[in-house]
Amino acid sequence: MEEVLAQTAKELGIGVGEIAEDSVLKQLPGADSVRLLRVVAQIERVYDVEFEDEAIFDVGTPRQLTDLVLAQARAEA
């Protein structure tokens, strides 16, 4: 979870303390579709996973993104 929060904060140019596990990603300061896709791309690189496009569109919070990372890592193992 911490890495997801850190990568999100870094890409959006905000402090990690401004993001909670259940924050709505689209409502965070500086969030737009391009930046959020960059967050996802960075998370894919960090965790060496690749998400299906459809799965990404269902992600609305850092918690959901973390759950997606864990599920994908298990599926690829």
C-alpha atoms as a PDB file:
ATOM      1  CA  MET A   1       0.000   0.000   0.000  1.00  0.00           C
ATOM      2  CA  GLU A   2       2.773   2.439   0.906  1.00  0.00           C
ATOM      3  CA  GLU A   3       4.371   2.137  -2.535  1.00  0.00           C
ATOM      4  CA  VAL A   4       1.045   2.778  -4.273  1.00  0.00           C
ATOM      5  CA  LEU A   5       0.480   5.863  -2.126  1.00  0.00           C
ATOM      6  CA  ALA A   6       4.045   7.068  -2.721  1.00  0.00           C
ATOM      7  CA  GLN A   7       3.886   6.629  -6.495  1.00  0.00           C
ATOM      8  CA  THR A   8       0.493   8.326  -6.655  1.00  0.00           C
ATOM      9  CA  ALA A   9       1.683  11.275  -4.587  1.00  0.00           C
ATOM     10  CA  LYS A  10       4.871  11.614  -6.632  1.00  0.00           C
ATOM     11  CA  GLU A  11       3.048  11.644  -9.969  1.00  0.00           C
ATOM     12  CA  LEU A  12       0.409  14.103  -8.768  1.00  0.00           C
ATOM     13  CA  GLY A  13       2.944  16.347  -7.074  1.00  0.00           C
ATOM     14  CA  ILE A  14       1.309  16.142  -3.660  1.00  0.00           C
ATOM     15  CA  GLY A  15       2.338  14.874  -0.252  1.00  0.00           C
ATOM     16  CA  VAL A  16       1.713  11.270   0.713  1.00  0.00           C
ATOM     17  CA  GLY A  17      -0.207  12.586   3.712  1.00  0.00           C
ATOM     18  CA  GLU A  18      -2.801  14.048   1.345  1.00  0.00           C
ATOM     19  CA  ILE A  19      -3.822  10.582   0.166  1.00  0.00           C
ATOM     20  CA  ALA A  20      -5.741   8.002   2.163  1.00  0.00           C
ATOM     21  CA  GLU A  21      -6.251   4.360   1.238  1.00  0.00           C
ATOM     22  CA  ASP A  22      -9.843   5.114   0.298  1.00  0.00           C
ATOM     23  CA  SER A  23      -9.294   8.484  -1.396  1.00  0.00           C
ATOM     24  CA  VAL A  24     -11.040   8.767  -4.752  1.00  0.00           C
ATOM     25  CA  LEU A  25      -8.146   8.965  -7.195  1.00  0.00           C
ATOM     26  CA  LYS A  26      -9.976  11.207  -9.670  1.00  0.00           C
ATOM     27  CA  GLN A  27     -10.679  13.732  -6.914  1.00  0.00           C
ATOM     28  CA  LEU A  28      -7.090  14.126  -5.699  1.00  0.00           C
ATOM     29  CA  PRO A  29      -5.351  17.456  -6.335  1.00  0.00           C
ATOM     30  CA  GLY A  30      -3.618  17.415  -9.717  1.00  0.00           C
ATOM     31  CA  ALA A  31      -5.361  14.235 -10.865  1.00  0.00           C
ATOM     32  CA  ASP A  32      -6.329  13.839 -14.485  1.00  0.00           C
ATOM     33  CA  SER A  33      -6.599  10.815 -16.735  1.00  0.00           C
ATOM     34  CA  VAL A  34      -3.054  11.118 -18.104  1.00  0.00           C
ATOM     35  CA  ARG A  35      -1.450  11.404 -14.683  1.00  0.00           C
ATOM     36  CA  LEU A  36      -3.474   8.508 -13.313  1.00  0.00           C
ATOM     37  CA  LEU A  37      -2.410   6.340 -16.251  1.00  0.00           C
ATOM     38  CA  ARG A  38       1.190   7.282 -15.455  1.00  0.00           C
ATOM     39  CA  VAL A  39       0.627   6.144 -11.876  1.00  0.00           C
ATOM     40  CA  VAL A  40      -0.637   2.800 -13.148  1.00  0.00           C
ATOM     41  CA  ALA A  41       2.295   2.456 -15.566  1.00  0.00           C
ATOM     42  CA  GLN A  42       4.775   3.163 -12.782  1.00  0.00           C
ATOM     43  CA  ILE A  43       3.081   0.646 -10.477  1.00  0.00           C
ATOM     44  CA  GLU A  44       3.279  -1.951 -13.270  1.00  0.00           C
ATOM     45  CA  ARG A  45       7.030  -1.325 -13.577  1.00  0.00           C
ATOM     46  CA  VAL A  46       7.683  -1.363  -9.824  1.00  0.00           C
ATOM     47  CA  TYR A  47       5.799  -4.618  -9.265  1.00  0.00           C
ATOM     48  CA  ASP A  48       6.605  -6.188 -12.657  1.00  0.00           C
ATOM     49  CA  VAL A  49       2.955  -6.818 -13.483  1.00  0.00           C
ATOM     50  CA  GLU A  50       0.733  -5.921 -16.415  1.00  0.00           C
ATOM     51  CA  PHE A  51      -2.919  -5.020 -15.979  1.00  0.00           C
ATOM     52  CA  GLU A  52      -5.747  -5.614 -18.406  1.00  0.00           C
ATOM     53  CA  ASP A  53      -7.152  -2.281 -19.584  1.00  0.00           C
ATOM     54  CA  GLU A  54     -10.630  -3.191 -18.356  1.00  0.00           C
ATOM     55  CA  ALA A  55      -9.329  -3.842 -14.847  1.00  0.00           C
ATOM     56  CA  ILE A  56      -7.730  -0.410 -14.631  1.00  0.00           C
ATOM     57  CA  PHE A  57     -11.015   1.357 -15.322  1.00  0.00           C
ATOM     58  CA  ASP A  58     -12.577  -0.302 -12.271  1.00  0.00           C
ATOM     59  CA  VAL A  59      -9.905   1.114  -9.939  1.00  0.00           C
ATOM     60  CA  GLY A  60     -11.066   4.158  -8.008  1.00  0.00           C
ATOM     61  CA  THR A  61      -8.935   4.215  -4.850  1.00  0.00           C
ATOM     62  CA  PRO A  62      -5.376   3.396  -3.783  1.00  0.00           C
ATOM     63  CA  ARG A  63      -6.757   0.407  -1.872  1.00  0.00           C
ATOM     64  CA  GLN A  64      -8.355  -0.950  -5.050  1.00  0.00           C
ATOM     65  CA  LEU A  65      -5.123  -0.395  -6.977  1.00  0.00           C
ATOM     66  CA  THR A  66      -3.185  -2.274  -4.300  1.00  0.00           C
ATOM     67  CA  ASP A  67      -5.705  -5.129  -4.440  1.00  0.00           C
ATOM     68  CA  LEU A  68      -5.302  -5.236  -8.220  1.00  0.00           C
ATOM     69  CA  VAL A  69      -1.504  -5.411  -7.881  1.00  0.00           C
ATOM     70  CA  LEU A  70      -1.753  -8.289  -5.418  1.00  0.00           C
ATOM     71  CA  ALA A  71      -4.267 -10.194  -7.551  1.00  0.00           C
ATOM     72  CA  GLN A  72      -2.204  -9.722 -10.710  1.00  0.00           C
ATOM     73  CA  ALA A  73       1.019 -10.755  -8.993  1.00  0.00           C
ATOM     74  CA  ARG A  74      -0.663 -13.966  -7.807  1.00  0.00           C
ATOM     75  CA  ALA A  75      -2.060 -14.652 -11.274  1.00  0.00           C
ATOM     76  CA  GLU A  76       1.343 -14.182 -12.904  1.00  0.00           C
ATOM     77  CA  ALA A  77       3.215 -16.298 -10.340  1.00  0.00           C
END
